[in-house]
Amino acid sequence: MSELTTRKCRPCEGDVEPLGKVEAEKLMDQLHEDWSLSRDGKHIERAFLFKAYSRSIAFANVVAWVATVEGHHPVMTVHYGKVEITYNTHSIGGLSENDFICAAKIDQFAEQ
């Protein structure tokens, strides 16, 4: 389990600098290997695969629950057997620790 799963998101409405690419790469080590960091270091993304649409929807609801509890929302695209998640912190134009906290919590649910 990643240490990130024990943390809570903190509000950052432009009063925080986005993470640099080196900082983001260090946090990537605490996420599942299927997460990828964009070339510009401004977002992370992962696709989760499922055998049925109902499982995709159930997982999307888990992601929505994490987003609501943490107050930090991803871009999510739901397909028949896949859910794509993209995180960045829009208010600062890049990545914050919040993105990695939520990604780690989603990883934890996906493993169950």
PDB file of N, CA and C in Angstrom:
ATOM      1  N   MET A   1       0.848  -1.183   0.000  1.00  0.00           N
ATOM      2  CA  MET A   1       0.000   0.000   0.000  1.00  0.00           C
ATOM      3  C   MET A   1       0.891   1.243   0.000  1.00  0.00           C
ATOM      4  N   SER A   2       0.540   2.180  -0.811  1.00  0.00           N
ATOM      5  CA  SER A   2       1.277   3.435  -0.905  1.00  0.00           C
ATOM      6  C   SER A   2       0.966   4.332   0.280  1.00  0.00           C
ATOM      7  N   GLU A   3       1.979   5.042   0.742  1.00  0.00           N
ATOM      8  CA  GLU A   3       1.794   6.015   1.824  1.00  0.00           C
ATOM      9  C   GLU A   3       0.784   7.084   1.412  1.00  0.00           C
ATOM     10  N   LEU A   4       0.636   7.292   0.130  1.00  0.00           N
ATOM     11  CA  LEU A   4      -0.307   8.304  -0.354  1.00  0.00           C
ATOM     12  C   LEU A   4      -1.750   7.995   0.039  1.00  0.00           C
ATOM     13  N   THR A   5      -2.078   6.720   0.215  1.00  0.00           N
ATOM     14  CA  THR A   5      -3.460   6.354   0.548  1.00  0.00           C
ATOM     15  C   THR A   5      -3.864   6.805   1.943  1.00  0.00           C
ATOM     16  N   THR A   6      -2.906   7.159   2.781  1.00  0.00           N
ATOM     17  CA  THR A   6      -3.218   7.602   4.137  1.00  0.00           C
ATOM     18  C   THR A   6      -3.400   9.120   4.221  1.00  0.00           C
ATOM     19  N   ARG A   7      -3.184   9.800   3.122  1.00  0.00           N
ATOM     20  CA  ARG A   7      -3.242  11.264   3.109  1.00  0.00           C
ATOM     21  C   ARG A   7      -4.594  11.750   2.589  1.00  0.00           C
ATOM     22  N   LYS A   8      -4.886  13.000   2.885  1.00  0.00           N
ATOM     23  CA  LYS A   8      -6.115  13.650   2.413  1.00  0.00           C
ATOM     24  C   LYS A   8      -5.739  14.790   1.472  1.00  0.00           C
ATOM     25  N   CYS A   9      -6.574  15.008   0.483  1.00  0.00           N
ATOM     26  CA  CYS A   9      -6.361  16.128  -0.436  1.00  0.00           C
ATOM     27  C   CYS A   9      -6.562  17.443   0.311  1.00  0.00           C
ATOM     28  N   ARG A  10      -5.758  18.423  -0.084  1.00  0.00           N
ATOM     29  CA  ARG A  10      -5.876  19.767   0.475  1.00  0.00           C
ATOM     30  C   ARG A  10      -6.288  20.720  -0.638  1.00  0.00           C
ATOM     31  N   PRO A  11      -7.150  21.670  -0.326  1.00  0.00           N
ATOM     32  CA  PRO A  11      -7.559  22.630  -1.352  1.00  0.00           C
ATOM     33  C   PRO A  11      -6.355  23.381  -1.918  1.00  0.00           C
ATOM     34  N   CYS A  12      -6.340  23.557  -3.223  1.00  0.00           N
ATOM     35  CA  CYS A  12      -5.288  24.381  -3.844  1.00  0.00           C
ATOM     36  C   CYS A  12      -5.921  25.100  -5.035  1.00  0.00           C
ATOM     37  N   GLU A  13      -6.393  26.268  -4.781  1.00  0.00           N
ATOM     38  CA  GLU A  13      -7.061  27.070  -5.801  1.00  0.00           C
ATOM     39  C   GLU A  13      -6.127  28.127  -6.364  1.00  0.00           C
ATOM     40  N   GLY A  14      -4.994  27.693  -6.859  1.00  0.00           N
ATOM     41  CA  GLY A  14      -4.067  28.637  -7.454  1.00  0.00           C
ATOM     42  C   GLY A  14      -3.022  29.164  -6.484  1.00  0.00           C
ATOM     43  N   ASP A  15      -3.097  28.754  -5.212  1.00  0.00           N
ATOM     44  CA  ASP A  15      -2.124  29.231  -4.226  1.00  0.00           C
ATOM     45  C   ASP A  15      -0.952  28.264  -4.061  1.00  0.00           C
ATOM     46  N   VAL A  16      -0.884  27.263  -4.933  1.00  0.00           N
ATOM     47  CA  VAL A  16       0.149  26.243  -4.886  1.00  0.00           C
ATOM     48  C   VAL A  16       0.793  26.160  -6.272  1.00  0.00           C
ATOM     49  N   GLU A  17       2.095  25.981  -6.297  1.00  0.00           N
ATOM     50  CA  GLU A  17       2.783  25.793  -7.579  1.00  0.00           C
ATOM     51  C   GLU A  17       2.588  24.349  -8.046  1.00  0.00           C
ATOM     52  N   PRO A  18       2.438  24.121  -9.348  1.00  0.00           N
ATOM     53  CA  PRO A  18       2.351  22.740  -9.830  1.00  0.00           C
ATOM     54  C   PRO A  18       3.676  22.007  -9.583  1.00  0.00           C
ATOM     55  N   LEU A  19       3.575  20.703  -9.431  1.00  0.00           N
ATOM     56  CA  LEU A  19       4.764  19.890  -9.247  1.00  0.00           C
ATOM     57  C   LEU A  19       5.631  19.944 -10.493  1.00  0.00           C
ATOM     58  N   GLY A  20       6.925  19.936 -10.300  1.00  0.00           N
ATOM     59  CA  GLY A  20       7.839  19.814 -11.419  1.00  0.00           C
ATOM     60  C   GLY A  20       7.867  18.373 -11.903  1.00  0.00           C
ATOM     61  N   LYS A  21       8.413  18.167 -13.078  1.00  0.00           N
ATOM     62  CA  LYS A  21       8.435  16.822 -13.644  1.00  0.00           C
ATOM     63  C   LYS A  21       9.228  15.849 -12.777  1.00  0.00           C
ATOM     64  N   VAL A  22      10.326  16.290 -12.185  1.00  0.00           N
ATOM     65  CA  VAL A  22      11.132  15.418 -11.324  1.00  0.00           C
ATOM     66  C   VAL A  22      10.329  15.005 -10.092  1.00  0.00           C
ATOM     67  N   GLU A  23       9.623  15.956  -9.478  1.00  0.00           N
ATOM     68  CA  GLU A  23       8.787  15.645  -8.309  1.00  0.00           C
ATOM     69  C   GLU A  23       7.681  14.665  -8.693  1.00  0.00           C
ATOM     70  N   ALA A  24       7.067  14.897  -9.841  1.00  0.00           N
ATOM     71  CA  ALA A  24       5.994  14.018 -10.313  1.00  0.00           C
ATOM     72  C   ALA A  24       6.527  12.606 -10.569  1.00  0.00           C
ATOM     73  N   GLU A  25       7.695  12.503 -11.165  1.00  0.00           N
ATOM     74  CA  GLU A  25       8.278  11.189 -11.430  1.00  0.00           C
ATOM     75  C   GLU A  25       8.540  10.426 -10.136  1.00  0.00           C
ATOM     76  N   LYS A  26       8.943  11.111  -9.080  1.00  0.00           N
ATOM     77  CA  LYS A  26       9.158  10.459  -7.784  1.00  0.00           C
ATOM     78  C   LYS A  26       7.841   9.917  -7.226  1.00  0.00           C
ATOM     79  N   LEU A  27       6.769  10.691  -7.350  1.00  0.00           N
ATOM     80  CA  LEU A  27       5.461  10.245  -6.856  1.00  0.00           C
ATOM     81  C   LEU A  27       4.901   9.106  -7.710  1.00  0.00           C
ATOM     82  N   MET A  28       5.272   9.070  -8.978  1.00  0.00           N
ATOM     83  CA  MET A  28       4.822   7.978  -9.853  1.00  0.00           C
ATOM     84  C   MET A  28       5.266   6.620  -9.305  1.00  0.00           C
ATOM     85  N   ASP A  29       6.385   6.589  -8.600  1.00  0.00           N
ATOM     86  CA  ASP A  29       6.887   5.338  -8.025  1.00  0.00           C
ATOM     87  C   ASP A  29       5.938   4.757  -6.985  1.00  0.00           C
ATOM     88  N   GLN A  30       5.033   5.582  -6.450  1.00  0.00           N
ATOM     89  CA  GLN A  30       4.086   5.118  -5.439  1.00  0.00           C
ATOM     90  C   GLN A  30       2.757   4.675  -6.038  1.00  0.00           C
ATOM     91  N   LEU A  31       2.643   4.764  -7.352  1.00  0.00           N
ATOM     92  CA  LEU A  31       1.413   4.353  -8.032  1.00  0.00           C
ATOM     93  C   LEU A  31       1.625   3.036  -8.775  1.00  0.00           C
ATOM     94  N   HIS A  32       0.527   2.417  -9.159  1.00  0.00           N
ATOM     95  CA  HIS A  32       0.586   1.213  -9.988  1.00  0.00           C
ATOM     96  C   HIS A  32       1.339   1.531 -11.275  1.00  0.00           C
ATOM     97  N   GLU A  33       2.060   0.573 -11.770  1.00  0.00           N
ATOM     98  CA  GLU A  33       2.899   0.784 -12.963  1.00  0.00           C
ATOM     99  C   GLU A  33       2.118   1.139 -14.220  1.00  0.00           C
ATOM    100  N   ASP A  34       0.813   0.924 -14.232  1.00  0.00           N
ATOM    101  CA  ASP A  34       0.006   1.253 -15.415  1.00  0.00           C
ATOM    102  C   ASP A  34      -0.302   2.745 -15.538  1.00  0.00           C
ATOM    103  N   TRP A  35      -0.048   3.525 -14.495  1.00  0.00           N
ATOM    104  CA  TRP A  35      -0.210   4.975 -14.605  1.00  0.00           C
ATOM    105  C   TRP A  35       0.913   5.517 -15.480  1.00  0.00           C
ATOM    106  N   SER A  36       0.605   6.512 -16.274  1.00  0.00           N
ATOM    107  CA  SER A  36       1.656   7.150 -17.076  1.00  0.00           C
ATOM    108  C   SER A  36       1.622   8.658 -16.845  1.00  0.00           C
ATOM    109  N   LEU A  37       2.793   9.227 -16.919  1.00  0.00           N
ATOM    110  CA  LEU A  37       2.975  10.661 -16.774  1.00  0.00           C
ATOM    111  C   LEU A  37       3.111  11.253 -18.169  1.00  0.00           C
ATOM    112  N   SER A  38       2.371  12.320 -18.438  1.00  0.00           N
ATOM    113  CA  SER A  38       2.445  12.944 -19.751  1.00  0.00           C
ATOM    114  C   SER A  38       3.844  13.493 -20.001  1.00  0.00           C
ATOM    115  N   ARG A  39       4.191  13.645 -21.253  1.00  0.00           N
ATOM    116  CA  ARG A  39       5.521  14.162 -21.617  1.00  0.00           C
ATOM    117  C   ARG A  39       5.805  15.520 -20.990  1.00  0.00           C
ATOM    118  N   ASP A  40       4.777  16.358 -20.923  1.00  0.00           N
ATOM    119  CA  ASP A  40       4.975  17.693 -20.354  1.00  0.00           C
ATOM    120  C   ASP A  40       4.890  17.698 -18.827  1.00  0.00           C
ATOM    121  N   GLY A  41       4.585  16.539 -18.233  1.00  0.00           N
ATOM    122  CA  GLY A  41       4.525  16.427 -16.775  1.00  0.00           C
ATOM    123  C   GLY A  41       3.320  17.098 -16.155  1.00  0.00           C
ATOM    124  N   LYS A  42       2.273  17.343 -16.957  1.00  0.00           N
ATOM    125  CA  LYS A  42       1.113  18.087 -16.435  1.00  0.00           C
ATOM    126  C   LYS A  42      -0.104  17.231 -16.115  1.00  0.00           C
ATOM    127  N   HIS A  43      -0.076  15.950 -16.459  1.00  0.00           N
ATOM    128  CA  HIS A  43      -1.177  15.078 -16.058  1.00  0.00           C
ATOM    129  C   HIS A  43      -0.710  13.624 -15.996  1.00  0.00           C
ATOM    130  N   ILE A  44      -1.495  12.820 -15.277  1.00  0.00           N
ATOM    131  CA  ILE A  44      -1.272  11.380 -15.206  1.00  0.00           C
ATOM    132  C   ILE A  44      -2.539  10.697 -15.688  1.00  0.00           C
ATOM    133  N   GLU A  45      -2.373   9.491 -16.242  1.00  0.00           N
ATOM    134  CA  GLU A  45      -3.544   8.771 -16.740  1.00  0.00           C
ATOM    135  C   GLU A  45      -3.338   7.269 -16.635  1.00  0.00           C
ATOM    136  N   ARG A  46      -4.463   6.579 -16.571  1.00  0.00           N
ATOM    137  CA  ARG A  46      -4.455   5.120 -16.525  1.00  0.00           C
ATOM    138  C   ARG A  46      -5.781   4.609 -17.072  1.00  0.00           C
ATOM    139  N   ALA A  47      -5.711   3.480 -17.755  1.00  0.00           N
ATOM    140  CA  ALA A  47      -6.917   2.792 -18.215  1.00  0.00           C
ATOM    141  C   ALA A  47      -7.100   1.527 -17.372  1.00  0.00           C
ATOM    142  N   PHE A  48      -8.318   1.290 -16.921  1.00  0.00           N
ATOM    143  CA  PHE A  48      -8.678   0.100 -16.156  1.00  0.00           C
ATOM    144  C   PHE A  48      -9.583  -0.751 -17.030  1.00  0.00           C
ATOM    145  N   LEU A  49      -9.274  -2.034 -17.175  1.00  0.00           N
ATOM    146  CA  LEU A  49     -10.021  -2.919 -18.065  1.00  0.00           C
ATOM    147  C   LEU A  49     -10.942  -3.835 -17.275  1.00  0.00           C
ATOM    148  N   PHE A  50     -12.148  -4.065 -17.842  1.00  0.00           N
ATOM    149  CA  PHE A  50     -13.160  -4.902 -17.200  1.00  0.00           C
ATOM    150  C   PHE A  50     -13.805  -5.807 -18.235  1.00  0.00           C
ATOM    151  N   LYS A  51     -14.415  -6.900 -17.772  1.00  0.00           N
ATOM    152  CA  LYS A  51     -15.031  -7.869 -18.681  1.00  0.00           C
ATOM    153  C   LYS A  51     -16.490  -7.570 -18.991  1.00  0.00           C
ATOM    154  N   ALA A  52     -17.060  -6.604 -18.300  1.00  0.00           N
ATOM    155  CA  ALA A  52     -18.478  -6.297 -18.525  1.00  0.00           C
ATOM    156  C   ALA A  52     -18.732  -4.814 -18.270  1.00  0.00           C
ATOM    157  N   TYR A  53     -19.725  -4.304 -18.948  1.00  0.00           N
ATOM    158  CA  TYR A  53     -20.086  -2.899 -18.782  1.00  0.00           C
ATOM    159  C   TYR A  53     -20.487  -2.601 -17.345  1.00  0.00           C
ATOM    160  N   SER A  54     -21.204  -3.532 -16.726  1.00  0.00           N
ATOM    161  CA  SER A  54     -21.646  -3.313 -15.342  1.00  0.00           C
ATOM    162  C   SER A  54     -20.450  -3.125 -14.405  1.00  0.00           C
ATOM    163  N   ARG A  55     -19.356  -3.816 -14.658  1.00  0.00           N
ATOM    164  CA  ARG A  55     -18.160  -3.652 -13.823  1.00  0.00           C
ATOM    165  C   ARG A  55     -17.489  -2.308 -14.092  1.00  0.00           C
ATOM    166  N   SER A  56     -17.525  -1.876 -15.343  1.00  0.00           N
ATOM    167  CA  SER A  56     -16.986  -0.544 -15.664  1.00  0.00           C
ATOM    168  C   SER A  56     -17.761   0.532 -14.910  1.00  0.00           C
ATOM    169  N   ILE A  57     -19.074   0.403 -14.921  1.00  0.00           N
ATOM    170  CA  ILE A  57     -19.929   1.380 -14.237  1.00  0.00           C
ATOM    171  C   ILE A  57     -19.707   1.323 -12.725  1.00  0.00           C
ATOM    172  N   ALA A  58     -19.602   0.125 -12.167  1.00  0.00           N
ATOM    173  CA  ALA A  58     -19.364  -0.003 -10.726  1.00  0.00           C
ATOM    174  C   ALA A  58     -18.036   0.660 -10.348  1.00  0.00           C
ATOM    175  N   PHE A  59     -17.012   0.443 -11.165  1.00  0.00           N
ATOM    176  CA  PHE A  59     -15.717   1.057 -10.884  1.00  0.00           C
ATOM    177  C   PHE A  59     -15.800   2.569 -11.033  1.00  0.00           C
ATOM    178  N   ALA A  60     -16.505   3.052 -12.047  1.00  0.00           N
ATOM    179  CA  ALA A  60     -16.678   4.493 -12.232  1.00  0.00           C
ATOM    180  C   ALA A  60     -17.345   5.108 -11.009  1.00  0.00           C
ATOM    181  N   ASN A  61     -18.270   4.394 -10.404  1.00  0.00           N
ATOM    182  CA  ASN A  61     -18.921   4.880  -9.187  1.00  0.00           C
ATOM    183  C   ASN A  61     -17.941   4.937  -8.016  1.00  0.00           C
ATOM    184  N   VAL A  62     -17.025   3.994  -7.938  1.00  0.00           N
ATOM    185  CA  VAL A  62     -15.985   4.036  -6.901  1.00  0.00           C
ATOM    186  C   VAL A  62     -15.106   5.267  -7.105  1.00  0.00           C
ATOM    187  N   VAL A  63     -14.717   5.516  -8.344  1.00  0.00           N
ATOM    188  CA  VAL A  63     -13.891   6.691  -8.646  1.00  0.00           C
ATOM    189  C   VAL A  63     -14.651   7.963  -8.278  1.00  0.00           C
ATOM    190  N   ALA A  64     -15.941   8.006  -8.591  1.00  0.00           N
ATOM    191  CA  ALA A  64     -16.758   9.169  -8.242  1.00  0.00           C
ATOM    192  C   ALA A  64     -16.832   9.347  -6.722  1.00  0.00           C
ATOM    193  N   TRP A  65     -16.918   8.243  -5.989  1.00  0.00           N
ATOM    194  CA  TRP A  65     -16.953   8.308  -4.528  1.00  0.00           C
ATOM    195  C   TRP A  65     -15.635   8.878  -3.995  1.00  0.00           C
ATOM    196  N   VAL A  66     -14.492   8.380  -4.492  1.00  0.00           N
ATOM    197  CA  VAL A  66     -13.184   8.902  -4.073  1.00  0.00           C
ATOM    198  C   VAL A  66     -13.117  10.397  -4.364  1.00  0.00           C
ATOM    199  N   ALA A  67     -13.564  10.794  -5.558  1.00  0.00           N
ATOM    200  CA  ALA A  67     -13.527  12.211  -5.951  1.00  0.00           C
ATOM    201  C   ALA A  67     -14.367  13.060  -5.004  1.00  0.00           C
ATOM    202  N   THR A  68     -15.516  12.574  -4.622  1.00  0.00           N
ATOM    203  CA  THR A  68     -16.404  13.320  -3.739  1.00  0.00           C
ATOM    204  C   THR A  68     -15.803  13.443  -2.337  1.00  0.00           C
ATOM    205  N   VAL A  69     -15.299  12.344  -1.806  1.00  0.00           N
ATOM    206  CA  VAL A  69     -14.705  12.345  -0.464  1.00  0.00           C
ATOM    207  C   VAL A  69     -13.483  13.261  -0.419  1.00  0.00           C
ATOM    208  N   GLU A  70     -12.655  13.212  -1.465  1.00  0.00           N
ATOM    209  CA  GLU A  70     -11.417  13.990  -1.484  1.00  0.00           C
ATOM    210  C   GLU A  70     -11.610  15.412  -2.004  1.00  0.00           C
ATOM    211  N   GLY A  71     -12.740  15.685  -2.647  1.00  0.00           N
ATOM    212  CA  GLY A  71     -12.956  17.011  -3.214  1.00  0.00           C
ATOM    213  C   GLY A  71     -12.019  17.304  -4.379  1.00  0.00           C
ATOM    214  N   HIS A  72     -11.635  16.242  -5.097  1.00  0.00           N
ATOM    215  CA  HIS A  72     -10.697  16.376  -6.218  1.00  0.00           C
ATOM    216  C   HIS A  72     -11.144  15.404  -7.314  1.00  0.00           C
ATOM    217  N   HIS A  73     -11.463  15.942  -8.474  1.00  0.00           N
ATOM    218  CA  HIS A  73     -12.157  15.162  -9.494  1.00  0.00           C
ATOM    219  C   HIS A  73     -11.319  14.951 -10.746  1.00  0.00           C
ATOM    220  N   PRO A  74     -11.310  13.716 -11.269  1.00  0.00           N
ATOM    221  CA  PRO A  74     -10.578  13.425 -12.492  1.00  0.00           C
ATOM    222  C   PRO A  74     -11.454  13.669 -13.721  1.00  0.00           C
ATOM    223  N   VAL A  75     -10.839  13.566 -14.861  1.00  0.00           N
ATOM    224  CA  VAL A  75     -11.587  13.395 -16.107  1.00  0.00           C
ATOM    225  C   VAL A  75     -11.720  11.886 -16.251  1.00  0.00           C
ATOM    226  N   MET A  76     -12.937  11.421 -16.453  1.00  0.00           N
ATOM    227  CA  MET A  76     -13.186   9.982 -16.526  1.00  0.00           C
ATOM    228  C   MET A  76     -14.003   9.685 -17.772  1.00  0.00           C
ATOM    229  N   THR A  77     -13.557   8.685 -18.530  1.00  0.00           N
ATOM    230  CA  THR A  77     -14.278   8.233 -19.712  1.00  0.00           C
ATOM    231  C   THR A  77     -14.612   6.764 -19.514  1.00  0.00           C
ATOM    232  N   VAL A  78     -15.901   6.439 -19.645  1.00  0.00           N
ATOM    233  CA  VAL A  78     -16.369   5.069 -19.430  1.00  0.00           C
ATOM    234  C   VAL A  78     -16.727   4.452 -20.766  1.00  0.00           C
ATOM    235  N   HIS A  79     -16.138   3.293 -21.030  1.00  0.00           N
ATOM    236  CA  HIS A  79     -16.427   2.508 -22.224  1.00  0.00           C
ATOM    237  C   HIS A  79     -17.062   1.189 -21.784  1.00  0.00           C
ATOM    238  N   TYR A  80     -17.369   0.330 -22.737  1.00  0.00           N
ATOM    239  CA  TYR A  80     -17.962  -0.966 -22.391  1.00  0.00           C
ATOM    240  C   TYR A  80     -17.097  -1.732 -21.400  1.00  0.00           C
ATOM    241  N   GLY A  81     -15.842  -1.914 -21.693  1.00  0.00           N
ATOM    242  CA  GLY A  81     -14.971  -2.707 -20.826  1.00  0.00           C
ATOM    243  C   GLY A  81     -13.749  -1.950 -20.342  1.00  0.00           C
ATOM    244  N   LYS A  82     -13.852  -0.631 -20.282  1.00  0.00           N
ATOM    245  CA  LYS A  82     -12.684   0.160 -19.901  1.00  0.00           C
ATOM    246  C   LYS A  82     -13.126   1.477 -19.272  1.00  0.00           C
ATOM    247  N   VAL A  83     -12.371   1.892 -18.264  1.00  0.00           N
ATOM    248  CA  VAL A  83     -12.557   3.209 -17.666  1.00  0.00           C
ATOM    249  C   VAL A  83     -11.202   3.908 -17.731  1.00  0.00           C
ATOM    250  N   GLU A  84     -11.175   5.075 -18.363  1.00  0.00           N
ATOM    251  CA  GLU A  84      -9.948   5.864 -18.471  1.00  0.00           C
ATOM    252  C   GLU A  84     -10.015   7.018 -17.483  1.00  0.00           C
ATOM    253  N   ILE A  85      -8.951   7.167 -16.704  1.00  0.00           N
ATOM    254  CA  ILE A  85      -8.880   8.210 -15.680  1.00  0.00           C
ATOM    255  C   ILE A  85      -7.704   9.122 -15.997  1.00  0.00           C
ATOM    256  N   THR A  86      -7.948  10.420 -15.987  1.00  0.00           N
ATOM    257  CA  THR A  86      -6.889  11.406 -16.149  1.00  0.00           C
ATOM    258  C   THR A  86      -6.980  12.388 -14.996  1.00  0.00           C
ATOM    259  N   TYR A  87      -5.848  12.595 -14.343  1.00  0.00           N
ATOM    260  CA  TYR A  87      -5.776  13.560 -13.254  1.00  0.00           C
ATOM    261  C   TYR A  87      -4.824  14.696 -13.599  1.00  0.00           C
ATOM    262  N   ASN A  88      -5.235  15.898 -13.271  1.00  0.00           N
ATOM    263  CA  ASN A  88      -4.383  17.067 -13.138  1.00  0.00           C
ATOM    264  C   ASN A  88      -5.164  18.066 -12.304  1.00  0.00           C
ATOM    265  N   THR A  89      -4.491  19.073 -11.819  1.00  0.00           N
ATOM    266  CA  THR A  89      -5.160  20.071 -10.993  1.00  0.00           C
ATOM    267  C   THR A  89      -5.357  21.309 -11.857  1.00  0.00           C
ATOM    268  N   HIS A  90      -6.576  21.444 -12.363  1.00  0.00           N
ATOM    269  CA  HIS A  90      -6.893  22.498 -13.334  1.00  0.00           C
ATOM    270  C   HIS A  90      -6.563  23.895 -12.814  1.00  0.00           C
ATOM    271  N   SER A  91      -6.810  24.123 -11.531  1.00  0.00           N
ATOM    272  CA  SER A  91      -6.644  25.472 -10.976  1.00  0.00           C
ATOM    273  C   SER A  91      -5.184  25.944 -10.964  1.00  0.00           C
ATOM    274  N   ILE A  92      -4.233  24.998 -11.050  1.00  0.00           N
ATOM    275  CA  ILE A  92      -2.825  25.397 -11.070  1.00  0.00           C
ATOM    276  C   ILE A  92      -2.142  25.048 -12.390  1.00  0.00           C
ATOM    277  N   GLY A  93      -2.904  24.460 -13.308  1.00  0.00           N
ATOM    278  CA  GLY A  93      -2.367  24.168 -14.637  1.00  0.00           C
ATOM    279  C   GLY A  93      -1.319  23.072 -14.668  1.00  0.00           C
ATOM    280  N   GLY A  94      -1.431  22.110 -13.782  1.00  0.00           N
ATOM    281  CA  GLY A  94      -0.474  21.006 -13.749  1.00  0.00           C
ATOM    282  C   GLY A  94      -0.834  20.024 -12.664  1.00  0.00           C
ATOM    283  N   LEU A  95       0.148  19.301 -12.189  1.00  0.00           N
ATOM    284  CA  LEU A  95      -0.076  18.278 -11.177  1.00  0.00           C
ATOM    285  C   LEU A  95       0.160  18.809  -9.771  1.00  0.00           C
ATOM    286  N   SER A  96      -0.653  18.304  -8.846  1.00  0.00           N
ATOM    287  CA  SER A  96      -0.445  18.565  -7.421  1.00  0.00           C
ATOM    288  C   SER A  96      -0.380  17.210  -6.719  1.00  0.00           C
ATOM    289  N   GLU A  97       0.000  17.221  -5.467  1.00  0.00           N
ATOM    290  CA  GLU A  97       0.009  15.986  -4.695  1.00  0.00           C
ATOM    291  C   GLU A  97      -1.387  15.363  -4.654  1.00  0.00           C
ATOM    292  N   ASN A  98      -2.433  16.183  -4.720  1.00  0.00           N
ATOM    293  CA  ASN A  98      -3.805  15.675  -4.696  1.00  0.00           C
ATOM    294  C   ASN A  98      -4.055  14.655  -5.805  1.00  0.00           C
ATOM    295  N   ASP A  99      -3.489  14.894  -6.977  1.00  0.00           N
ATOM    296  CA  ASP A  99      -3.675  13.975  -8.101  1.00  0.00           C
ATOM    297  C   ASP A  99      -3.130  12.595  -7.757  1.00  0.00           C
ATOM    298  N   PHE A 100      -1.983  12.570  -7.104  1.00  0.00           N
ATOM    299  CA  PHE A 100      -1.344  11.304  -6.754  1.00  0.00           C
ATOM    300  C   PHE A 100      -2.051  10.621  -5.584  1.00  0.00           C
ATOM    301  N   ILE A 101      -2.565  11.395  -4.646  1.00  0.00           N
ATOM    302  CA  ILE A 101      -3.338  10.830  -3.531  1.00  0.00           C
ATOM    303  C   ILE A 101      -4.559  10.102  -4.080  1.00  0.00           C
ATOM    304  N   CYS A 102      -5.298  10.753  -4.953  1.00  0.00           N
ATOM    305  CA  CYS A 102      -6.504  10.131  -5.516  1.00  0.00           C
ATOM    306  C   CYS A 102      -6.162   8.916  -6.370  1.00  0.00           C
ATOM    307  N   ALA A 103      -5.112   9.020  -7.174  1.00  0.00           N
ATOM    308  CA  ALA A 103      -4.702   7.885  -8.009  1.00  0.00           C
ATOM    309  C   ALA A 103      -4.335   6.684  -7.140  1.00  0.00           C
ATOM    310  N   ALA A 104      -3.617   6.911  -6.052  1.00  0.00           N
ATOM    311  CA  ALA A 104      -3.233   5.821  -5.153  1.00  0.00           C
ATOM    312  C   ALA A 104      -4.459   5.187  -4.504  1.00  0.00           C
ATOM    313  N   LYS A 105      -5.433   5.998  -4.133  1.00  0.00           N
ATOM    314  CA  LYS A 105      -6.651   5.458  -3.522  1.00  0.00           C
ATOM    315  C   LYS A 105      -7.447   4.644  -4.542  1.00  0.00           C
ATOM    316  N   ILE A 106      -7.462   5.085  -5.774  1.00  0.00           N
ATOM    317  CA  ILE A 106      -8.137   4.318  -6.825  1.00  0.00           C
ATOM    318  C   ILE A 106      -7.400   2.999  -7.059  1.00  0.00           C
ATOM    319  N   ASP A 107      -6.081   3.019  -7.070  1.00  0.00           N
ATOM    320  CA  ASP A 107      -5.291   1.796  -7.196  1.00  0.00           C
ATOM    321  C   ASP A 107      -5.677   0.799  -6.102  1.00  0.00           C
ATOM    322  N   GLN A 108      -5.825   1.304  -4.893  1.00  0.00           N
ATOM    323  CA  GLN A 108      -6.151   0.452  -3.758  1.00  0.00           C
ATOM    324  C   GLN A 108      -7.499  -0.244  -3.977  1.00  0.00           C
ATOM    325  N   PHE A 109      -8.492   0.480  -4.470  1.00  0.00           N
ATOM    326  CA  PHE A 109      -9.797  -0.124  -4.752  1.00  0.00           C
ATOM    327  C   PHE A 109      -9.705  -1.108  -5.912  1.00  0.00           C
ATOM    328  N   ALA A 110      -8.922  -0.771  -6.921  1.00  0.00           N
ATOM    329  CA  ALA A 110      -8.812  -1.634  -8.101  1.00  0.00           C
ATOM    330  C   ALA A 110      -8.193  -2.983  -7.760  1.00  0.00           C
ATOM    331  N   GLU A 111      -7.341  -3.015  -6.745  1.00  0.00           N
ATOM    332  CA  GLU A 111      -6.686  -4.259  -6.353  1.00  0.00           C
ATOM    333  C   GLU A 111      -7.594  -5.166  -5.540  1.00  0.00           C
ATOM    334  N   GLN A 112      -8.689  -4.637  -5.012  1.00  0.00           N
ATOM    335  CA  GLN A 112      -9.585  -5.428  -4.162  1.00  0.00           C
ATOM    336  C   GLN A 112     -10.526  -6.281  -4.982  1.00  0.00           C
TER     337      GLN A 112
END
